[in-house]
Amino acid sequence: MQKDGRVLYLTEDKKQNLYYNIPIANTTALLLGTGTSVTQAAMRMLAQAVLVGWFDFAAGRYQMA
């Protein structure tokens, strides 16, 4: 998710939510597992900072944003 000009990784737990900052200026790859969701605002920030692409495992093809 994107919050206050940063891209954050959010973990939701029954007792608390934890936020982790993703340093997009130094990130070359971001591996996301099945069931992970990404907000449009976060993808926009990632696209502005780095080359964004993903592999669609179901279709077996690489895509560029």
PDB file of N, CA and C in Angstrom:
ATOM      1  N   MET A   1       0.826  -1.178   0.000  1.00  0.00           N
ATOM      2  CA  MET A   1       0.000   0.000   0.000  1.00  0.00           C
ATOM      3  C   MET A   1       0.874   1.246   0.000  1.00  0.00           C
ATOM      4  N   GLN A   2       0.299   2.350  -0.380  1.00  0.00           N
ATOM      5  CA  GLN A   2       0.998   3.626  -0.390  1.00  0.00           C
ATOM      6  C   GLN A   2       0.430   4.501   0.709  1.00  0.00           C
ATOM      7  N   LYS A   3       1.312   5.096   1.502  1.00  0.00           N
ATOM      8  CA  LYS A   3       0.876   5.964   2.591  1.00  0.00           C
ATOM      9  C   LYS A   3       1.949   7.010   2.857  1.00  0.00           C
ATOM     10  N   ASP A   4       1.556   8.261   2.885  1.00  0.00           N
ATOM     11  CA  ASP A   4       2.474   9.374   3.176  1.00  0.00           C
ATOM     12  C   ASP A   4       3.688   9.385   2.247  1.00  0.00           C
ATOM     13  N   GLY A   5       3.492   9.100   0.969  1.00  0.00           N
ATOM     14  CA  GLY A   5       4.587   9.128   0.001  1.00  0.00           C
ATOM     15  C   GLY A   5       5.541   7.955   0.088  1.00  0.00           C
ATOM     16  N   ARG A   6       5.134   6.891   0.764  1.00  0.00           N
ATOM     17  CA  ARG A   6       5.972   5.697   0.897  1.00  0.00           C
ATOM     18  C   ARG A   6       5.172   4.477   0.472  1.00  0.00           C
ATOM     19  N   VAL A   7       5.877   3.437   0.046  1.00  0.00           N
ATOM     20  CA  VAL A   7       5.247   2.151  -0.231  1.00  0.00           C
ATOM     21  C   VAL A   7       5.468   1.286   1.000  1.00  0.00           C
ATOM     22  N   LEU A   8       4.376   0.752   1.525  1.00  0.00           N
ATOM     23  CA  LEU A   8       4.433  -0.025   2.752  1.00  0.00           C
ATOM     24  C   LEU A   8       3.921  -1.437   2.537  1.00  0.00           C
ATOM     25  N   TYR A   9       4.480  -2.356   3.302  1.00  0.00           N
ATOM     26  CA  TYR A   9       4.014  -3.733   3.361  1.00  0.00           C
ATOM     27  C   TYR A   9       3.224  -3.850   4.654  1.00  0.00           C
ATOM     28  N   LEU A  10       1.986  -4.276   4.568  1.00  0.00           N
ATOM     29  CA  LEU A  10       1.103  -4.370   5.727  1.00  0.00           C
ATOM     30  C   LEU A  10       0.839  -5.825   6.059  1.00  0.00           C
ATOM     31  N   THR A  11       1.058  -6.189   7.311  1.00  0.00           N
ATOM     32  CA  THR A  11       0.675  -7.514   7.794  1.00  0.00           C
ATOM     33  C   THR A  11      -0.474  -7.320   8.764  1.00  0.00           C
ATOM     34  N   GLU A  12      -1.529  -8.082   8.569  1.00  0.00           N
ATOM     35  CA  GLU A  12      -2.704  -7.976   9.429  1.00  0.00           C
ATOM     36  C   GLU A  12      -2.749  -9.170  10.369  1.00  0.00           C
ATOM     37  N   ASP A  13      -2.892  -8.891  11.623  1.00  0.00           N
ATOM     38  CA  ASP A  13      -2.984  -9.913  12.644  1.00  0.00           C
ATOM     39  C   ASP A  13      -4.234  -9.640  13.474  1.00  0.00           C
ATOM     40  N   LYS A  14      -4.661 -10.609  14.241  1.00  0.00           N
ATOM     41  CA  LYS A  14      -5.861 -10.411  15.064  1.00  0.00           C
ATOM     42  C   LYS A  14      -5.654  -9.319  16.110  1.00  0.00           C
ATOM     43  N   LYS A  15      -4.427  -9.203  16.616  1.00  0.00           N
ATOM     44  CA  LYS A  15      -4.152  -8.246  17.688  1.00  0.00           C
ATOM     45  C   LYS A  15      -3.635  -6.903  17.171  1.00  0.00           C
ATOM     46  N   GLN A  16      -2.851  -6.913  16.091  1.00  0.00           N
ATOM     47  CA  GLN A  16      -2.261  -5.668  15.610  1.00  0.00           C
ATOM     48  C   GLN A  16      -1.906  -5.754  14.130  1.00  0.00           C
ATOM     49  N   ASN A  17      -1.792  -4.594  13.495  1.00  0.00           N
ATOM     50  CA  ASN A  17      -1.328  -4.496  12.110  1.00  0.00           C
ATOM     51  C   ASN A  17       0.088  -3.936  12.132  1.00  0.00           C
ATOM     52  N   LEU A  18       0.982  -4.536  11.357  1.00  0.00           N
ATOM     53  CA  LEU A  18       2.362  -4.067  11.290  1.00  0.00           C
ATOM     54  C   LEU A  18       2.648  -3.529   9.896  1.00  0.00           C
ATOM     55  N   TYR A  19       3.317  -2.378   9.823  1.00  0.00           N
ATOM     56  CA  TYR A  19       3.691  -1.740   8.566  1.00  0.00           C
ATOM     57  C   TYR A  19       5.204  -1.792   8.416  1.00  0.00           C
ATOM     58  N   TYR A  20       5.671  -2.179   7.218  1.00  0.00           N
ATOM     59  CA  TYR A  20       7.100  -2.207   6.919  1.00  0.00           C
ATOM     60  C   TYR A  20       7.347  -1.345   5.688  1.00  0.00           C
ATOM     61  N   ASN A  21       8.303  -0.433   5.775  1.00  0.00           N
ATOM     62  CA  ASN A  21       8.649   0.441   4.673  1.00  0.00           C
ATOM     63  C   ASN A  21       9.441  -0.333   3.619  1.00  0.00           C
ATOM     64  N   ILE A  22       9.064  -0.175   2.331  1.00  0.00           N
ATOM     65  CA  ILE A  22       9.804  -0.780   1.223  1.00  0.00           C
ATOM     66  C   ILE A  22      10.621   0.330   0.560  1.00  0.00           C
ATOM     67  N   PRO A  23      11.947   0.248   0.596  1.00  0.00           N
ATOM     68  CA  PRO A  23      12.786   1.306   0.006  1.00  0.00           C
ATOM     69  C   PRO A  23      12.778   1.201  -1.523  1.00  0.00           C
ATOM     70  N   ILE A  24      11.816   1.868  -2.173  1.00  0.00           N
ATOM     71  CA  ILE A  24      11.610   1.683  -3.607  1.00  0.00           C
ATOM     72  C   ILE A  24      12.770   2.188  -4.448  1.00  0.00           C
ATOM     73  N   ALA A  25      13.546   3.152  -3.949  1.00  0.00           N
ATOM     74  CA  ALA A  25      14.674   3.661  -4.723  1.00  0.00           C
ATOM     75  C   ALA A  25      15.766   2.605  -4.870  1.00  0.00           C
ATOM     76  N   ASN A  26      15.859   1.689  -3.916  1.00  0.00           N
ATOM     77  CA  ASN A  26      16.899   0.661  -3.928  1.00  0.00           C
ATOM     78  C   ASN A  26      16.364  -0.725  -4.270  1.00  0.00           C
ATOM     79  N   THR A  27      15.105  -0.826  -4.628  1.00  0.00           N
ATOM     80  CA  THR A  27      14.483  -2.118  -4.896  1.00  0.00           C
ATOM     81  C   THR A  27      14.538  -2.430  -6.383  1.00  0.00           C
ATOM     82  N   THR A  28      15.093  -3.578  -6.730  1.00  0.00           N
ATOM     83  CA  THR A  28      15.138  -3.988  -8.134  1.00  0.00           C
ATOM     84  C   THR A  28      14.124  -5.070  -8.442  1.00  0.00           C
ATOM     85  N   ALA A  29      13.696  -5.806  -7.414  1.00  0.00           N
ATOM     86  CA  ALA A  29      12.696  -6.856  -7.613  1.00  0.00           C
ATOM     87  C   ALA A  29      11.846  -6.952  -6.366  1.00  0.00           C
ATOM     88  N   LEU A  30      10.588  -7.238  -6.579  1.00  0.00           N
ATOM     89  CA  LEU A  30       9.655  -7.414  -5.485  1.00  0.00           C
ATOM     90  C   LEU A  30       8.871  -8.688  -5.774  1.00  0.00           C
ATOM     91  N   LEU A  31       9.105  -9.717  -4.973  1.00  0.00           N
ATOM     92  CA  LEU A  31       8.450 -11.000  -5.183  1.00  0.00           C
ATOM     93  C   LEU A  31       7.208 -11.075  -4.311  1.00  0.00           C
ATOM     94  N   LEU A  32       6.074 -11.291  -4.940  1.00  0.00           N
ATOM     95  CA  LEU A  32       4.803 -11.350  -4.228  1.00  0.00           C
ATOM     96  C   LEU A  32       4.216 -12.737  -4.343  1.00  0.00           C
ATOM     97  N   GLY A  33       3.736 -13.260  -3.237  1.00  0.00           N
ATOM     98  CA  GLY A  33       3.165 -14.598  -3.226  1.00  0.00           C
ATOM     99  C   GLY A  33       1.705 -14.603  -3.615  1.00  0.00           C
ATOM    100  N   THR A  34       1.169 -15.790  -3.768  1.00  0.00           N
ATOM    101  CA  THR A  34      -0.230 -15.974  -4.105  1.00  0.00           C
ATOM    102  C   THR A  34      -1.106 -15.357  -3.019  1.00  0.00           C
ATOM    103  N   GLY A  35      -2.133 -14.630  -3.440  1.00  0.00           N
ATOM    104  CA  GLY A  35      -3.043 -14.004  -2.502  1.00  0.00           C
ATOM    105  C   GLY A  35      -2.619 -12.619  -2.050  1.00  0.00           C
ATOM    106  N   THR A  36      -1.468 -12.149  -2.520  1.00  0.00           N
ATOM    107  CA  THR A  36      -0.996 -10.817  -2.175  1.00  0.00           C
ATOM    108  C   THR A  36      -1.735  -9.790  -3.015  1.00  0.00           C
ATOM    109  N   SER A  37      -2.094  -8.687  -2.408  1.00  0.00           N
ATOM    110  CA  SER A  37      -2.740  -7.610  -3.160  1.00  0.00           C
ATOM    111  C   SER A  37      -1.872  -6.359  -3.104  1.00  0.00           C
ATOM    112  N   VAL A  38      -1.941  -5.567  -4.175  1.00  0.00           N
ATOM    113  CA  VAL A  38      -1.169  -4.329  -4.292  1.00  0.00           C
ATOM    114  C   VAL A  38      -2.132  -3.225  -4.699  1.00  0.00           C
ATOM    115  N   THR A  39      -2.075  -2.098  -4.018  1.00  0.00           N
ATOM    116  CA  THR A  39      -2.950  -0.994  -4.379  1.00  0.00           C
ATOM    117  C   THR A  39      -2.436  -0.301  -5.636  1.00  0.00           C
ATOM    118  N   GLN A  40      -3.326   0.373  -6.348  1.00  0.00           N
ATOM    119  CA  GLN A  40      -2.935   1.102  -7.550  1.00  0.00           C
ATOM    120  C   GLN A  40      -1.953   2.214  -7.227  1.00  0.00           C
ATOM    121  N   ALA A  41      -2.144   2.883  -6.112  1.00  0.00           N
ATOM    122  CA  ALA A  41      -1.236   3.965  -5.719  1.00  0.00           C
ATOM    123  C   ALA A  41       0.178   3.435  -5.482  1.00  0.00           C
ATOM    124  N   ALA A  42       0.296   2.267  -4.865  1.00  0.00           N
ATOM    125  CA  ALA A  42       1.613   1.677  -4.628  1.00  0.00           C
ATOM    126  C   ALA A  42       2.271   1.276  -5.946  1.00  0.00           C
ATOM    127  N   MET A  43       1.504   0.709  -6.877  1.00  0.00           N
ATOM    128  CA  MET A  43       2.062   0.336  -8.184  1.00  0.00           C
ATOM    129  C   MET A  43       2.515   1.569  -8.961  1.00  0.00           C
ATOM    130  N   ARG A  44       1.777   2.667  -8.845  1.00  0.00           N
ATOM    131  CA  ARG A  44       2.180   3.908  -9.504  1.00  0.00           C
ATOM    132  C   ARG A  44       3.524   4.387  -8.975  1.00  0.00           C
ATOM    133  N   MET A  45       3.697   4.359  -7.661  1.00  0.00           N
ATOM    134  CA  MET A  45       4.974   4.784  -7.068  1.00  0.00           C
ATOM    135  C   MET A  45       6.112   3.862  -7.478  1.00  0.00           C
ATOM    136  N   LEU A  46       5.861   2.553  -7.511  1.00  0.00           N
ATOM    137  CA  LEU A  46       6.888   1.604  -7.948  1.00  0.00           C
ATOM    138  C   LEU A  46       7.262   1.829  -9.401  1.00  0.00           C
ATOM    139  N   ALA A  47       6.272   2.111 -10.240  1.00  0.00           N
ATOM    140  CA  ALA A  47       6.532   2.335 -11.668  1.00  0.00           C
ATOM    141  C   ALA A  47       7.343   3.608 -11.883  1.00  0.00           C
ATOM    142  N   GLN A  48       7.129   4.628 -11.084  1.00  0.00           N
ATOM    143  CA  GLN A  48       7.887   5.864 -11.214  1.00  0.00           C
ATOM    144  C   GLN A  48       9.332   5.684 -10.760  1.00  0.00           C
ATOM    145  N   ALA A  49       9.556   4.815  -9.784  1.00  0.00           N
ATOM    146  CA  ALA A  49      10.888   4.640  -9.213  1.00  0.00           C
ATOM    147  C   ALA A  49      11.722   3.594  -9.953  1.00  0.00           C
ATOM    148  N   VAL A  50      11.082   2.531 -10.434  1.00  0.00           N
ATOM    149  CA  VAL A  50      11.815   1.414 -11.054  1.00  0.00           C
ATOM    150  C   VAL A  50      11.021   0.889 -12.237  1.00  0.00           C
ATOM    151  N   LEU A  51      11.654   0.011 -12.990  1.00  0.00           N
ATOM    152  CA  LEU A  51      10.974  -0.688 -14.076  1.00  0.00           C
ATOM    153  C   LEU A  51      10.095  -1.768 -13.466  1.00  0.00           C
ATOM    154  N   VAL A  52       8.807  -1.731 -13.744  1.00  0.00           N
ATOM    155  CA  VAL A  52       7.875  -2.670 -13.128  1.00  0.00           C
ATOM    156  C   VAL A  52       7.442  -3.709 -14.143  1.00  0.00           C
ATOM    157  N   GLY A  53       7.551  -4.961 -13.766  1.00  0.00           N
ATOM    158  CA  GLY A  53       7.074  -6.069 -14.580  1.00  0.00           C
ATOM    159  C   GLY A  53       6.652  -7.196 -13.667  1.00  0.00           C
ATOM    160  N   TRP A  54       5.922  -8.143 -14.201  1.00  0.00           N
ATOM    161  CA  TRP A  54       5.495  -9.262 -13.377  1.00  0.00           C
ATOM    162  C   TRP A  54       5.336 -10.504 -14.232  1.00  0.00           C
ATOM    163  N   PHE A  55       5.391 -11.625 -13.574  1.00  0.00           N
ATOM    164  CA  PHE A  55       5.208 -12.901 -14.255  1.00  0.00           C
ATOM    165  C   PHE A  55       3.860 -13.462 -13.842  1.00  0.00           C
ATOM    166  N   ASP A  56       3.032 -13.737 -14.810  1.00  0.00           N
ATOM    167  CA  ASP A  56       1.708 -14.304 -14.575  1.00  0.00           C
ATOM    168  C   ASP A  56       1.854 -15.828 -14.621  1.00  0.00           C
ATOM    169  N   PHE A  57       1.881 -16.470 -13.456  1.00  0.00           N
ATOM    170  CA  PHE A  57       2.112 -17.909 -13.393  1.00  0.00           C
ATOM    171  C   PHE A  57       0.981 -18.695 -14.042  1.00  0.00           C
ATOM    172  N   ALA A  58      -0.244 -18.199 -13.934  1.00  0.00           N
ATOM    173  CA  ALA A  58      -1.374 -18.912 -14.518  1.00  0.00           C
ATOM    174  C   ALA A  58      -1.282 -18.934 -16.042  1.00  0.00           C
ATOM    175  N   ALA A  59      -0.888 -17.802 -16.636  1.00  0.00           N
ATOM    176  CA  ALA A  59      -0.798 -17.711 -18.093  1.00  0.00           C
ATOM    177  C   ALA A  59       0.592 -18.087 -18.601  1.00  0.00           C
ATOM    178  N   GLY A  60       1.583 -18.089 -17.699  1.00  0.00           N
ATOM    179  CA  GLY A  60       2.961 -18.441 -18.080  1.00  0.00           C
ATOM    180  C   GLY A  60       3.620 -17.389 -18.965  1.00  0.00           C
ATOM    181  N   ARG A  61       3.381 -16.109 -18.673  1.00  0.00           N
ATOM    182  CA  ARG A  61       4.001 -15.054 -19.488  1.00  0.00           C
ATOM    183  C   ARG A  61       4.447 -13.917 -18.605  1.00  0.00           C
ATOM    184  N   TYR A  62       5.450 -13.193 -19.096  1.00  0.00           N
ATOM    185  CA  TYR A  62       6.007 -12.021 -18.413  1.00  0.00           C
ATOM    186  C   TYR A  62       5.339 -10.778 -18.972  1.00  0.00           C
ATOM    187  N   GLN A  63       4.964  -9.853 -18.114  1.00  0.00           N
ATOM    188  CA  GLN A  63       4.296  -8.623 -18.554  1.00  0.00           C
ATOM    189  C   GLN A  63       5.036  -7.415 -18.024  1.00  0.00           C
ATOM    190  N   MET A  64       5.027  -6.344 -18.786  1.00  0.00           N
ATOM    191  CA  MET A  64       5.644  -5.093 -18.384  1.00  0.00           C
ATOM    192  C   MET A  64       4.574  -4.049 -18.174  1.00  0.00           C
ATOM    193  N   ALA A  65       4.747  -3.194 -17.179  1.00  0.00           N
ATOM    194  CA  ALA A  65       3.790  -2.107 -16.927  1.00  0.00           C
ATOM    195  C   ALA A  65       4.337  -0.821 -17.514  1.00  0.00           C
TER     196      ALA A  65
END
